[in-house]
Amino acid sequence: MNSINTSALEKLLTQMEAAIPNFEAINVSISSSNIGWHINHSLLVFIGIIDTTSKSNPKDYNWSFNLKRLVIFTKNKIPRGVAKAPNSVIPKDDYTVESLSGLLTVAKNKLADLHQMDPKQFFKHPGLGNLKFKQMIQFLAIHTRHHLEIIWEIEGSKK
């Protein structure tokens, strides 16, 4: 049993939920994708990382230096336009309020899985390498916040 605090992640998911009604909004000067894409992508990443981490074997973890990881974790921010999402977390264009809300419910339910994990489990990120459990939690927050900031810019530009 893992005694981690998931309240920061819960808050980020609540903020993501608030953007769902505006899922069709877009501003190509901010992002080529609409708000729905950012919500869908963020939730797919959130769910996928937790699922993958839960299946990891702590004995398979090995550390290696990664400059990108160091920069992102030091700045607590992902630079825009630098990374390309793997195909597994690129949303299809057929999302709706209902499908986004359903995905959000799955993501919220996945938070409970974090408490059941071994704190030595890890996530192998395609660009950042192996992330220890606590780093994985921090990455979930950084990544979700990154997309929320884009969403908020799009929403702000429409007012």
Protein backbone atom coordinates (compact mmCIF):
# COMPACT_ATOMS: atom_id res chain seq x y z
CA MET A 1 0.00 0.00 0.00
CA ASN A 2 1.36 3.37 -1.06
CA SER A 3 0.57 6.45 1.02
CA ILE A 4 0.86 9.19 -1.57
CA ASN A 5 -1.09 12.42 -1.75
CA THR A 6 -3.10 12.58 -4.96
CA SER A 7 -4.89 15.87 -4.22
CA ALA A 8 -2.76 17.88 -6.70
CA LEU A 9 -3.61 15.41 -9.47
CA GLU A 10 -7.28 15.46 -8.45
CA LYS A 11 -7.29 19.26 -8.71
CA LEU A 12 -5.72 19.15 -12.17
CA LEU A 13 -8.35 16.66 -13.34
CA THR A 14 -11.09 18.93 -11.96
CA GLN A 15 -9.61 21.84 -13.90
CA MET A 16 -9.52 19.66 -17.02
CA GLU A 17 -13.17 18.77 -16.44
CA ALA A 18 -14.12 22.46 -16.38
CA ALA A 19 -12.78 22.85 -19.93
CA ILE A 20 -14.86 20.04 -21.45
CA PRO A 21 -17.83 22.28 -22.44
CA ASN A 22 -15.41 24.32 -24.61
CA PHE A 23 -13.95 21.24 -26.32
CA GLU A 24 -14.55 22.58 -29.84
CA ALA A 25 -12.73 25.90 -29.28
CA ILE A 26 -9.54 26.40 -31.26
CA ASN A 27 -7.02 29.15 -31.90
CA VAL A 28 -4.38 28.05 -34.41
CA SER A 29 -2.03 30.83 -33.30
CA ILE A 30 -1.82 29.00 -29.94
CA SER A 31 -2.23 25.37 -31.02
CA SER A 32 -3.20 23.57 -34.20
CA SER A 33 -5.47 21.35 -32.06
CA ASN A 34 -8.71 22.26 -30.34
CA ILE A 35 -9.37 22.07 -26.60
CA GLY A 36 -10.97 18.63 -26.96
CA TRP A 37 -7.77 17.24 -28.45
CA HIS A 38 -5.72 18.56 -25.51
CA ILE A 39 -8.18 17.12 -22.98
CA ASN A 40 -8.34 13.76 -24.75
CA HIS A 41 -4.56 13.54 -25.16
CA SER A 42 -3.89 14.51 -21.53
CA LEU A 43 -6.33 11.91 -20.23
CA LEU A 44 -4.97 9.18 -22.52
CA VAL A 45 -1.47 9.94 -21.22
CA PHE A 46 -2.69 10.02 -17.61
CA ILE A 47 -4.46 6.68 -17.88
CA GLY A 48 -1.71 5.06 -19.97
CA ILE A 49 1.10 6.05 -17.62
CA ILE A 50 -0.73 4.74 -14.56
CA ASP A 51 -1.62 1.48 -16.34
CA THR A 52 1.94 0.96 -17.59
CA THR A 53 3.47 1.79 -14.21
CA SER A 54 1.17 -0.66 -12.46
CA LYS A 55 2.54 -3.44 -14.68
CA SER A 56 6.21 -2.54 -14.23
CA ASN A 57 8.63 -4.78 -12.39
CA PRO A 58 10.78 -2.80 -9.94
CA LYS A 59 13.66 -5.21 -10.61
CA ASP A 60 13.77 -3.97 -14.23
CA TYR A 61 14.45 -0.37 -13.22
CA ASN A 62 17.81 1.07 -14.16
CA TRP A 63 18.91 4.67 -13.91
CA SER A 64 20.64 6.59 -16.65
CA PHE A 65 21.35 10.27 -17.06
CA ASN A 66 18.83 12.11 -19.26
CA LEU A 67 19.30 15.82 -19.93
CA LYS A 68 15.70 16.34 -21.12
CA ARG A 69 14.40 14.79 -17.90
CA LEU A 70 16.71 16.97 -15.83
CA VAL A 71 15.53 20.15 -17.57
CA ILE A 72 11.82 19.31 -17.41
CA PHE A 73 11.94 18.27 -13.75
CA THR A 74 14.12 21.22 -12.75
CA LYS A 75 11.89 23.76 -14.51
CA ASN A 76 8.74 21.80 -13.65
CA LYS A 77 7.57 22.59 -17.17
CA ILE A 78 7.49 21.06 -20.65
CA PRO A 79 8.63 23.46 -23.37
CA ARG A 80 6.03 23.92 -26.10
CA GLY A 81 6.46 22.42 -29.50
CA VAL A 82 9.46 20.29 -28.56
CA ALA A 83 8.00 16.81 -28.01
CA LYS A 84 5.92 14.65 -30.32
CA ALA A 85 3.25 12.46 -28.77
CA PRO A 86 3.47 8.70 -29.43
CA ASN A 87 0.67 7.35 -31.63
CA SER A 88 -0.88 5.52 -28.67
CA VAL A 89 -1.86 8.84 -27.06
CA ILE A 90 -2.86 10.81 -30.15
CA PRO A 91 -6.63 11.27 -29.97
CA LYS A 92 -9.03 10.39 -32.75
CA ASP A 93 -11.14 13.30 -33.97
CA ASP A 94 -14.46 11.76 -32.93
CA TYR A 95 -14.67 12.91 -29.31
CA THR A 96 -17.71 14.46 -27.68
CA VAL A 97 -18.61 15.92 -24.30
CA GLU A 98 -19.77 12.43 -23.32
CA SER A 99 -16.62 10.63 -24.47
CA LEU A 100 -14.35 13.21 -22.80
CA SER A 101 -16.39 12.98 -19.58
CA GLY A 102 -16.15 9.19 -19.69
CA LEU A 103 -12.38 9.33 -20.15
CA LEU A 104 -12.15 11.78 -17.27
CA THR A 105 -14.06 9.36 -15.03
CA VAL A 106 -11.60 6.59 -15.95
CA ALA A 107 -8.67 8.92 -15.14
CA LYS A 108 -10.17 9.85 -11.76
CA ASN A 109 -10.69 6.16 -10.97
CA LYS A 110 -7.06 5.43 -11.89
CA LEU A 111 -5.92 7.67 -9.03
CA ALA A 112 -6.95 4.89 -6.64
CA ASP A 113 -4.57 2.52 -8.46
CA LEU A 114 -1.63 4.72 -7.42
CA HIS A 115 -2.24 3.83 -3.77
CA GLN A 116 -1.97 0.12 -4.56
CA MET A 117 1.37 0.34 -6.35
CA ASP A 118 4.79 -0.50 -5.04
CA PRO A 119 6.71 2.77 -4.63
CA LYS A 120 9.57 1.08 -6.50
CA GLN A 121 7.52 0.68 -9.67
CA PHE A 122 8.42 2.95 -12.55
CA PHE A 123 7.39 4.28 -15.94
CA LYS A 124 9.58 4.09 -19.04
CA HIS A 125 9.00 7.37 -20.87
CA PRO A 126 9.94 7.33 -24.57
CA GLY A 127 11.94 10.57 -24.32
CA LEU A 128 12.79 10.93 -20.64
CA GLY A 129 13.80 7.38 -19.82
CA ASN A 130 12.84 5.53 -16.67
CA LEU A 131 10.87 7.61 -14.18
CA LYS A 132 10.78 6.41 -10.59
CA PHE A 133 7.32 6.26 -9.02
CA LYS A 134 7.53 9.75 -7.49
CA GLN A 135 8.92 11.15 -10.74
CA MET A 136 6.06 9.51 -12.62
CA ILE A 137 3.58 11.29 -10.34
CA GLN A 138 5.42 14.57 -10.88
CA PHE A 139 5.43 14.01 -14.64
CA LEU A 140 1.67 13.40 -14.64
CA ALA A 141 1.23 16.79 -12.97
CA ILE A 142 3.69 18.58 -15.27
CA HIS A 143 2.15 17.09 -18.42
CA THR A 144 -1.44 17.76 -17.37
CA ARG A 145 -0.58 21.33 -16.36
CA HIS A 146 1.19 21.85 -19.71
CA HIS A 147 -1.99 21.04 -21.62
CA LEU A 148 -4.19 22.98 -19.20
CA GLU A 149 -2.09 26.08 -19.84
CA ILE A 150 -2.65 25.66 -23.59
CA ILE A 151 -6.37 25.15 -22.97
CA TRP A 152 -6.57 28.28 -20.82
CA GLU A 153 -4.80 30.32 -23.50
CA ILE A 154 -7.28 29.10 -26.10
CA GLU A 155 -10.22 29.83 -23.79
CA GLY A 156 -8.84 33.29 -22.96
CA SER A 157 -8.41 34.15 -26.63
CA LYS A 158 -12.08 33.38 -27.29
CA LYS A 159 -13.43 35.85 -24.72
